[in-house]
Amino acid sequence: MWIIILSLLFIGLTLIIVELVFVPGTTVVGLLGLIFAIVGIVISYNQFGNEVGFYLLLAMLAATLGALFYSFRSGAWSRFSLKSSMDSKVNEGIMTAVHIGDEGITVSTLRPIGKAEFNNKTFEVKTAGNYVERGEKVKITQIESHQIVVEPINP
């Protein structure tokens, strides 16, 4: 019986730590960990009485706090954390490469966002809601806050 109780408590502790460190905010993993821990403690109360159940409850709380404190203090989780950041932007510097009225050709289907080529360079563009097939000619109608707005050119 001790193996079952200790296994439930260990699984509960592991899931609680995983919830707090790896997948915060989902609460599903943390709730499962809490359920495993509570079931283990309830079984210990039923099988061994109040005194053993209470000591096991205190031991579980101490183990949880100790494991969390040690794992954050030692930096054990730092190797799993993201250390790089992206500082690039979509269509950065487009104001100098294209101008309103420039004509180009779509590289992908615009639904309403896709890619088009202007002056031998590919840009992400959007339409005013129109569906434009790949390979059609388009003209730039607006350039606003790093977005190029195009419309199809009728043949």
N, C-alpha and C. Protein backbone atom coordinates (compact mmCIF):
# COMPACT_ATOMS: atom_id res chain seq x y z
N MET A 1 0.83 -1.20 0.00
CA MET A 1 0.00 0.00 0.00
C MET A 1 0.87 1.26 0.00
N TRP A 2 2.03 1.18 0.67
CA TRP A 2 2.91 2.34 0.71
C TRP A 2 3.40 2.72 -0.68
N ILE A 3 3.63 1.71 -1.52
CA ILE A 3 4.11 1.98 -2.87
C ILE A 3 3.07 2.77 -3.66
N ILE A 4 1.81 2.42 -3.52
CA ILE A 4 0.74 3.14 -4.22
C ILE A 4 0.65 4.58 -3.72
N ILE A 5 0.68 4.75 -2.41
CA ILE A 5 0.58 6.10 -1.83
C ILE A 5 1.75 6.96 -2.26
N LEU A 6 2.97 6.42 -2.13
CA LEU A 6 4.15 7.21 -2.51
C LEU A 6 4.19 7.49 -4.01
N SER A 7 3.71 6.55 -4.82
CA SER A 7 3.66 6.78 -6.26
C SER A 7 2.67 7.90 -6.60
N LEU A 8 1.51 7.87 -5.98
CA LEU A 8 0.53 8.94 -6.21
C LEU A 8 1.07 10.29 -5.79
N LEU A 9 1.74 10.35 -4.64
CA LEU A 9 2.30 11.62 -4.18
C LEU A 9 3.42 12.10 -5.09
N PHE A 10 4.27 11.17 -5.55
CA PHE A 10 5.37 11.55 -6.44
C PHE A 10 4.83 12.06 -7.78
N ILE A 11 3.84 11.37 -8.35
CA ILE A 11 3.25 11.81 -9.61
C ILE A 11 2.57 13.17 -9.43
N GLY A 12 1.86 13.33 -8.31
CA GLY A 12 1.22 14.62 -8.03
C GLY A 12 2.22 15.75 -7.92
N LEU A 13 3.30 15.51 -7.19
CA LEU A 13 4.35 16.53 -7.03
C LEU A 13 4.98 16.88 -8.38
N THR A 14 5.25 15.86 -9.17
CA THR A 14 5.86 16.09 -10.49
C THR A 14 4.93 16.91 -11.39
N LEU A 15 3.66 16.58 -11.41
CA LEU A 15 2.72 17.32 -12.26
C LEU A 15 2.54 18.76 -11.79
N ILE A 16 2.55 18.98 -10.50
CA ILE A 16 2.43 20.35 -9.98
C ILE A 16 3.64 21.18 -10.39
N ILE A 17 4.83 20.61 -10.30
CA ILE A 17 6.05 21.34 -10.70
C ILE A 17 6.04 21.59 -12.21
N VAL A 18 5.61 20.60 -12.98
CA VAL A 18 5.52 20.78 -14.44
C VAL A 18 4.55 21.92 -14.77
N GLU A 19 3.44 21.98 -14.06
CA GLU A 19 2.46 23.06 -14.29
C GLU A 19 3.07 24.42 -14.00
N LEU A 20 3.78 24.54 -12.90
CA LEU A 20 4.31 25.84 -12.50
C LEU A 20 5.49 26.28 -13.36
N VAL A 21 6.30 25.33 -13.85
CA VAL A 21 7.53 25.70 -14.54
C VAL A 21 7.38 25.64 -16.06
N PHE A 22 6.80 24.57 -16.59
CA PHE A 22 6.81 24.37 -18.03
C PHE A 22 5.56 24.86 -18.75
N VAL A 23 4.39 24.63 -18.19
CA VAL A 23 3.15 25.00 -18.87
C VAL A 23 2.26 25.85 -17.98
N PRO A 24 2.74 27.00 -17.54
CA PRO A 24 1.91 27.82 -16.66
C PRO A 24 0.68 28.34 -17.38
N GLY A 25 -0.41 28.39 -16.64
CA GLY A 25 -1.63 28.95 -17.20
C GLY A 25 -2.60 27.94 -17.75
N THR A 26 -2.18 26.70 -17.95
CA THR A 26 -3.11 25.72 -18.51
C THR A 26 -4.01 25.13 -17.44
N THR A 27 -3.56 25.02 -16.23
CA THR A 27 -4.25 24.51 -15.04
C THR A 27 -4.66 23.05 -15.12
N VAL A 28 -4.70 22.44 -16.29
CA VAL A 28 -5.09 21.04 -16.41
C VAL A 28 -4.04 20.15 -15.75
N VAL A 29 -2.78 20.40 -16.07
CA VAL A 29 -1.70 19.59 -15.51
C VAL A 29 -1.62 19.80 -14.00
N GLY A 30 -1.75 21.02 -13.55
CA GLY A 30 -1.73 21.31 -12.11
C GLY A 30 -2.88 20.66 -11.37
N LEU A 31 -4.07 20.69 -11.98
CA LEU A 31 -5.22 20.04 -11.35
C LEU A 31 -5.04 18.54 -11.27
N LEU A 32 -4.49 17.94 -12.31
CA LEU A 32 -4.21 16.50 -12.25
C LEU A 32 -3.21 16.18 -11.14
N GLY A 33 -2.18 17.01 -11.02
CA GLY A 33 -1.20 16.81 -9.95
C GLY A 33 -1.83 16.94 -8.59
N LEU A 34 -2.69 17.93 -8.43
CA LEU A 34 -3.39 18.13 -7.16
C LEU A 34 -4.30 16.95 -6.85
N ILE A 35 -4.99 16.44 -7.86
CA ILE A 35 -5.88 15.28 -7.66
C ILE A 35 -5.08 14.06 -7.24
N PHE A 36 -3.95 13.79 -7.92
CA PHE A 36 -3.10 12.65 -7.54
C PHE A 36 -2.62 12.79 -6.09
N ALA A 37 -2.17 13.99 -5.73
CA ALA A 37 -1.67 14.20 -4.37
C ALA A 37 -2.79 14.02 -3.34
N ILE A 38 -3.95 14.57 -3.60
CA ILE A 38 -5.07 14.45 -2.66
C ILE A 38 -5.50 12.99 -2.51
N VAL A 39 -5.56 12.25 -3.62
CA VAL A 39 -5.94 10.83 -3.55
C VAL A 39 -4.92 10.06 -2.72
N GLY A 40 -3.64 10.34 -2.91
CA GLY A 40 -2.61 9.68 -2.11
C GLY A 40 -2.74 9.98 -0.63
N ILE A 41 -3.04 11.21 -0.30
CA ILE A 41 -3.18 11.60 1.11
C ILE A 41 -4.46 11.00 1.71
N VAL A 42 -5.55 11.01 0.96
CA VAL A 42 -6.80 10.42 1.44
C VAL A 42 -6.63 8.92 1.70
N ILE A 43 -5.95 8.24 0.79
CA ILE A 43 -5.70 6.80 0.99
C ILE A 43 -4.88 6.58 2.24
N SER A 44 -3.89 7.43 2.47
CA SER A 44 -3.05 7.27 3.68
C SER A 44 -3.88 7.52 4.95
N TYR A 45 -4.78 8.48 4.93
CA TYR A 45 -5.67 8.71 6.08
C TYR A 45 -6.55 7.48 6.33
N ASN A 46 -7.11 6.91 5.25
CA ASN A 46 -8.01 5.76 5.40
C ASN A 46 -7.27 4.50 5.85
N GLN A 47 -6.09 4.27 5.33
CA GLN A 47 -5.38 3.03 5.63
C GLN A 47 -4.60 3.06 6.94
N PHE A 48 -4.03 4.23 7.30
CA PHE A 48 -3.11 4.28 8.43
C PHE A 48 -3.55 5.22 9.54
N GLY A 49 -4.67 5.89 9.39
CA GLY A 49 -5.19 6.74 10.46
C GLY A 49 -4.81 8.20 10.31
N ASN A 50 -5.33 9.00 11.28
CA ASN A 50 -5.15 10.45 11.22
C ASN A 50 -3.71 10.88 11.41
N GLU A 51 -3.02 10.26 12.30
CA GLU A 51 -1.66 10.71 12.60
C GLU A 51 -0.72 10.51 11.41
N VAL A 52 -0.74 9.34 10.82
CA VAL A 52 0.12 9.06 9.66
C VAL A 52 -0.31 9.93 8.47
N GLY A 53 -1.62 10.06 8.26
CA GLY A 53 -2.11 10.90 7.17
C GLY A 53 -1.69 12.35 7.32
N PHE A 54 -1.74 12.87 8.56
CA PHE A 54 -1.34 14.25 8.80
C PHE A 54 0.16 14.45 8.55
N TYR A 55 0.97 13.49 9.01
CA TYR A 55 2.42 13.60 8.78
C TYR A 55 2.75 13.49 7.30
N LEU A 56 2.02 12.66 6.60
CA LEU A 56 2.24 12.54 5.15
C LEU A 56 1.82 13.82 4.42
N LEU A 57 0.74 14.45 4.89
CA LEU A 57 0.31 15.73 4.33
C LEU A 57 1.38 16.79 4.54
N LEU A 58 1.91 16.88 5.75
CA LEU A 58 2.98 17.85 6.03
C LEU A 58 4.23 17.55 5.19
N ALA A 59 4.56 16.27 5.07
CA ALA A 59 5.73 15.90 4.27
C ALA A 59 5.53 16.27 2.80
N MET A 60 4.32 16.09 2.29
CA MET A 60 4.02 16.44 0.90
C MET A 60 4.13 17.95 0.68
N LEU A 61 3.59 18.73 1.60
CA LEU A 61 3.71 20.19 1.49
C LEU A 61 5.16 20.64 1.55
N ALA A 62 5.92 20.07 2.46
CA ALA A 62 7.34 20.43 2.58
C ALA A 62 8.11 20.02 1.33
N ALA A 63 7.80 18.83 0.79
CA ALA A 63 8.49 18.38 -0.42
C ALA A 63 8.16 19.27 -1.61
N THR A 64 6.91 19.68 -1.73
CA THR A 64 6.51 20.55 -2.82
C THR A 64 7.21 21.90 -2.73
N LEU A 65 7.16 22.50 -1.56
CA LEU A 65 7.83 23.80 -1.38
C LEU A 65 9.34 23.67 -1.56
N GLY A 66 9.92 22.62 -1.01
CA GLY A 66 11.37 22.42 -1.14
C GLY A 66 11.79 22.20 -2.58
N ALA A 67 11.04 21.39 -3.33
CA ALA A 67 11.38 21.13 -4.72
C ALA A 67 11.26 22.40 -5.56
N LEU A 68 10.21 23.15 -5.34
CA LEU A 68 10.05 24.40 -6.09
C LEU A 68 11.14 25.41 -5.75
N PHE A 69 11.43 25.54 -4.47
CA PHE A 69 12.47 26.48 -4.04
C PHE A 69 13.81 26.08 -4.63
N TYR A 70 14.15 24.80 -4.53
CA TYR A 70 15.45 24.33 -5.04
C TYR A 70 15.54 24.48 -6.55
N SER A 71 14.46 24.15 -7.26
CA SER A 71 14.52 24.19 -8.71
C SER A 71 14.67 25.62 -9.24
N PHE A 72 14.02 26.57 -8.61
CA PHE A 72 14.16 27.96 -9.05
C PHE A 72 15.47 28.57 -8.55
N ARG A 73 15.88 28.21 -7.37
CA ARG A 73 17.09 28.77 -6.78
C ARG A 73 18.35 28.29 -7.51
N SER A 74 18.37 27.02 -7.88
CA SER A 74 19.56 26.46 -8.51
C SER A 74 19.65 26.80 -9.99
N GLY A 75 18.60 27.32 -10.57
CA GLY A 75 18.60 27.64 -11.99
C GLY A 75 18.49 26.41 -12.86
N ALA A 76 17.95 25.33 -12.33
CA ALA A 76 17.82 24.09 -13.09
C ALA A 76 16.95 24.26 -14.31
N TRP A 77 16.02 25.20 -14.29
CA TRP A 77 15.11 25.38 -15.41
C TRP A 77 15.62 26.39 -16.42
N SER A 78 16.74 27.03 -16.16
CA SER A 78 17.22 28.07 -17.07
C SER A 78 17.64 27.50 -18.42
N ARG A 79 18.05 26.24 -18.46
CA ARG A 79 18.44 25.67 -19.75
C ARG A 79 17.23 25.41 -20.64
N PHE A 80 16.04 25.38 -20.07
CA PHE A 80 14.83 25.17 -20.85
C PHE A 80 14.20 26.49 -21.30
N SER A 81 14.66 27.60 -20.76
CA SER A 81 14.02 28.88 -21.07
C SER A 81 14.58 29.47 -22.36
N LEU A 82 13.77 30.29 -23.00
CA LEU A 82 14.15 30.96 -24.23
C LEU A 82 15.02 32.17 -23.89
N LYS A 83 16.20 32.24 -24.51
CA LYS A 83 17.12 33.33 -24.20
C LYS A 83 17.26 34.32 -25.35
N SER A 84 16.80 33.95 -26.53
CA SER A 84 16.93 34.85 -27.66
C SER A 84 15.60 35.55 -27.92
N SER A 85 15.69 36.65 -28.61
CA SER A 85 14.47 37.37 -28.97
C SER A 85 14.57 37.80 -30.43
N MET A 86 13.41 37.98 -31.03
CA MET A 86 13.36 38.42 -32.42
C MET A 86 13.14 39.92 -32.43
N ASP A 87 13.99 40.63 -33.13
CA ASP A 87 13.83 42.07 -33.19
C ASP A 87 13.60 42.56 -34.62
N SER A 88 13.40 41.64 -35.54
CA SER A 88 13.13 42.04 -36.92
C SER A 88 11.63 42.29 -37.11
N LYS A 89 11.30 42.97 -38.19
CA LYS A 89 9.92 43.31 -38.47
C LYS A 89 9.57 42.91 -39.90
N VAL A 90 8.31 42.64 -40.13
CA VAL A 90 7.85 42.31 -41.47
C VAL A 90 7.90 43.56 -42.32
N ASN A 91 8.40 43.42 -43.55
CA ASN A 91 8.48 44.53 -44.51
C ASN A 91 9.24 45.73 -43.94
N GLU A 92 10.29 45.48 -43.18
CA GLU A 92 11.07 46.58 -42.59
C GLU A 92 11.75 47.37 -43.70
N GLY A 93 11.60 48.66 -43.70
CA GLY A 93 12.22 49.54 -44.68
C GLY A 93 11.55 49.53 -46.03
N ILE A 94 10.29 49.21 -46.10
CA ILE A 94 9.61 49.13 -47.39
C ILE A 94 9.34 50.49 -48.00
N MET A 95 9.30 51.50 -47.18
CA MET A 95 8.97 52.83 -47.69
C MET A 95 9.96 53.28 -48.76
N THR A 96 11.19 52.83 -48.69
CA THR A 96 12.18 53.27 -49.67
C THR A 96 12.20 52.40 -50.91
N ALA A 97 11.74 51.15 -50.82
CA ALA A 97 11.82 50.22 -51.95
C ALA A 97 10.61 50.29 -52.88
N VAL A 98 9.45 50.62 -52.34
CA VAL A 98 8.23 50.67 -53.17
C VAL A 98 7.49 51.97 -52.93
N HIS A 99 6.66 52.31 -53.89
CA HIS A 99 5.89 53.55 -53.80
C HIS A 99 4.47 53.30 -54.27
N ILE A 100 3.56 54.17 -53.88
CA ILE A 100 2.18 54.07 -54.32
C ILE A 100 2.14 54.21 -55.84
N GLY A 101 1.43 53.33 -56.48
CA GLY A 101 1.34 53.33 -57.94
C GLY A 101 2.24 52.30 -58.60
N ASP A 102 3.20 51.73 -57.87
CA ASP A 102 4.07 50.70 -58.44
C ASP A 102 3.23 49.49 -58.82
N GLU A 103 3.60 48.86 -59.93
CA GLU A 103 2.89 47.68 -60.38
C GLU A 103 3.78 46.46 -60.21
N GLY A 104 3.13 45.34 -59.88
CA GLY A 104 3.87 44.10 -59.70
C GLY A 104 2.99 42.92 -60.01
N ILE A 105 3.46 41.74 -59.62
CA ILE A 105 2.73 40.51 -59.90
C ILE A 105 2.66 39.68 -58.62
N THR A 106 1.53 39.01 -58.41
CA THR A 106 1.36 38.22 -57.19
C THR A 106 2.18 36.94 -57.28
N VAL A 107 2.85 36.62 -56.20
CA VAL A 107 3.66 35.41 -56.11
C VAL A 107 2.82 34.29 -55.51
N SER A 108 1.88 34.66 -54.65
CA SER A 108 0.95 33.69 -54.06
C SER A 108 -0.45 34.25 -54.20
N THR A 109 -1.43 33.42 -53.90
CA THR A 109 -2.81 33.87 -53.93
C THR A 109 -3.05 34.84 -52.77
N LEU A 110 -3.72 35.95 -53.03
CA LEU A 110 -4.03 36.92 -51.99
C LEU A 110 -5.43 36.65 -51.47
N ARG A 111 -5.52 36.22 -50.18
CA ARG A 111 -6.81 35.84 -49.59
C ARG A 111 -7.07 36.53 -48.29
N PRO A 112 -7.11 37.66 -48.00
CA PRO A 112 -6.67 38.81 -48.77
C PRO A 112 -5.19 39.13 -48.57
N ILE A 113 -4.47 38.33 -47.78
CA ILE A 113 -3.05 38.57 -47.55
C ILE A 113 -2.24 37.51 -48.29
N GLY A 114 -1.13 37.94 -48.86
CA GLY A 114 -0.24 37.03 -49.57
C GLY A 114 1.04 37.74 -49.94
N LYS A 115 1.72 37.24 -50.97
CA LYS A 115 2.99 37.84 -51.38
C LYS A 115 2.90 38.30 -52.82
N ALA A 116 3.58 39.42 -53.07
CA ALA A 116 3.66 39.97 -54.43
C ALA A 116 5.07 40.47 -54.66
N GLU A 117 5.44 40.54 -55.92
CA GLU A 117 6.79 40.97 -56.29
C GLU A 117 6.72 42.34 -56.96
N PHE A 118 7.52 43.28 -56.44
CA PHE A 118 7.64 44.62 -56.99
C PHE A 118 9.13 44.92 -57.13
N ASN A 119 9.55 45.38 -58.30
CA ASN A 119 10.95 45.75 -58.55
C ASN A 119 11.91 44.61 -58.18
N ASN A 120 11.55 43.38 -58.55
CA ASN A 120 12.34 42.17 -58.31
C ASN A 120 12.54 41.85 -56.84
N LYS A 121 11.67 42.33 -55.96
CA LYS A 121 11.70 42.01 -54.54
C LYS A 121 10.31 41.54 -54.12
N THR A 122 10.27 40.55 -53.22
CA THR A 122 9.00 40.00 -52.76
C THR A 122 8.59 40.66 -51.46
N PHE A 123 7.31 41.04 -51.36
CA PHE A 123 6.77 41.70 -50.18
C PHE A 123 5.47 41.02 -49.77
N GLU A 124 5.17 41.12 -48.49
CA GLU A 124 3.87 40.69 -48.00
C GLU A 124 2.89 41.83 -48.23
N VAL A 125 1.79 41.51 -48.90
CA VAL A 125 0.80 42.54 -49.24
C VAL A 125 -0.59 42.08 -48.83
N LYS A 126 -1.52 43.01 -48.82
CA LYS A 126 -2.92 42.65 -48.58
C LYS A 126 -3.80 43.45 -49.52
N THR A 127 -5.00 42.91 -49.72
CA THR A 127 -5.97 43.60 -50.56
C THR A 127 -7.03 44.23 -49.65
N ALA A 128 -7.94 44.93 -50.26
CA ALA A 128 -9.03 45.55 -49.50
C ALA A 128 -10.15 44.54 -49.26
N GLY A 129 -9.84 43.26 -49.35
CA GLY A 129 -10.83 42.21 -49.13
C GLY A 129 -11.05 41.36 -50.36
N ASN A 130 -10.42 41.74 -51.47
CA ASN A 130 -10.59 40.99 -52.71
C ASN A 130 -9.75 39.72 -52.71
N TYR A 131 -10.18 38.74 -53.46
CA TYR A 131 -9.44 37.51 -53.69
C TYR A 131 -8.70 37.67 -55.00
N VAL A 132 -7.37 37.55 -54.99
CA VAL A 132 -6.57 37.73 -56.19
C VAL A 132 -5.76 36.46 -56.42
N GLU A 133 -5.85 35.90 -57.61
CA GLU A 133 -5.14 34.67 -57.96
C GLU A 133 -3.64 34.92 -58.10
N ARG A 134 -2.89 33.86 -58.01
CA ARG A 134 -1.44 33.91 -58.20
C ARG A 134 -1.13 34.25 -59.66
N GLY A 135 -0.13 35.10 -59.88
CA GLY A 135 0.28 35.45 -61.23
C GLY A 135 -0.44 36.64 -61.82
N GLU A 136 -1.36 37.25 -61.09
CA GLU A 136 -2.08 38.41 -61.61
C GLU A 136 -1.31 39.70 -61.30
N LYS A 137 -1.53 40.71 -62.15
CA LYS A 137 -0.89 42.01 -61.94
C LYS A 137 -1.65 42.79 -60.88
N VAL A 138 -0.90 43.48 -60.01
CA VAL A 138 -1.50 44.31 -58.97
C VAL A 138 -0.79 45.66 -58.93
N LYS A 139 -1.48 46.61 -58.32
CA LYS A 139 -0.93 47.97 -58.19
C LYS A 139 -1.05 48.39 -56.73
N ILE A 140 -0.01 49.06 -56.20
CA ILE A 140 -0.01 49.53 -54.81
C ILE A 140 -0.91 50.74 -54.70
N THR A 141 -1.88 50.67 -53.76
CA THR A 141 -2.79 51.80 -53.55
C THR A 141 -2.49 52.53 -52.25
N GLN A 142 -1.94 51.83 -51.27
CA GLN A 142 -1.61 52.47 -49.99
C GLN A 142 -0.39 51.79 -49.37
N ILE A 143 0.36 52.58 -48.62
CA ILE A 143 1.43 52.03 -47.79
C ILE A 143 1.24 52.68 -46.42
N GLU A 144 0.85 51.85 -45.44
CA GLU A 144 0.58 52.40 -44.11
C GLU A 144 1.16 51.48 -43.05
N SER A 145 1.90 52.03 -42.15
CA SER A 145 2.52 51.34 -41.02
C SER A 145 3.06 49.96 -41.42
N HIS A 146 3.93 49.95 -42.40
CA HIS A 146 4.61 48.75 -42.88
C HIS A 146 3.68 47.72 -43.49
N GLN A 147 2.54 48.14 -43.99
CA GLN A 147 1.65 47.26 -44.74
C GLN A 147 1.43 47.84 -46.11
N ILE A 148 1.52 46.96 -47.11
CA ILE A 148 1.29 47.38 -48.48
C ILE A 148 -0.10 46.91 -48.88
N VAL A 149 -0.93 47.84 -49.32
CA VAL A 149 -2.28 47.52 -49.77
C VAL A 149 -2.28 47.59 -51.29
N VAL A 150 -2.79 46.53 -51.93
CA VAL A 150 -2.79 46.46 -53.39
C VAL A 150 -4.20 46.23 -53.91
N GLU A 151 -4.37 46.48 -55.21
CA GLU A 151 -5.61 46.13 -55.89
C GLU A 151 -5.24 45.54 -57.25
N PRO A 152 -6.06 44.62 -57.74
CA PRO A 152 -5.74 44.01 -59.04
C PRO A 152 -5.89 45.00 -60.17
N ILE A 153 -5.07 44.83 -61.17
CA ILE A 153 -5.13 45.67 -62.37
C ILE A 153 -5.95 44.92 -63.41
N ASN A 154 -7.02 45.52 -63.88
CA ASN A 154 -7.86 44.88 -64.90
C ASN A 154 -7.18 44.98 -66.25
N PRO A 155 -7.13 43.87 -67.00
CA PRO A 155 -6.45 43.90 -68.33
C PRO A 155 -7.20 44.71 -69.35
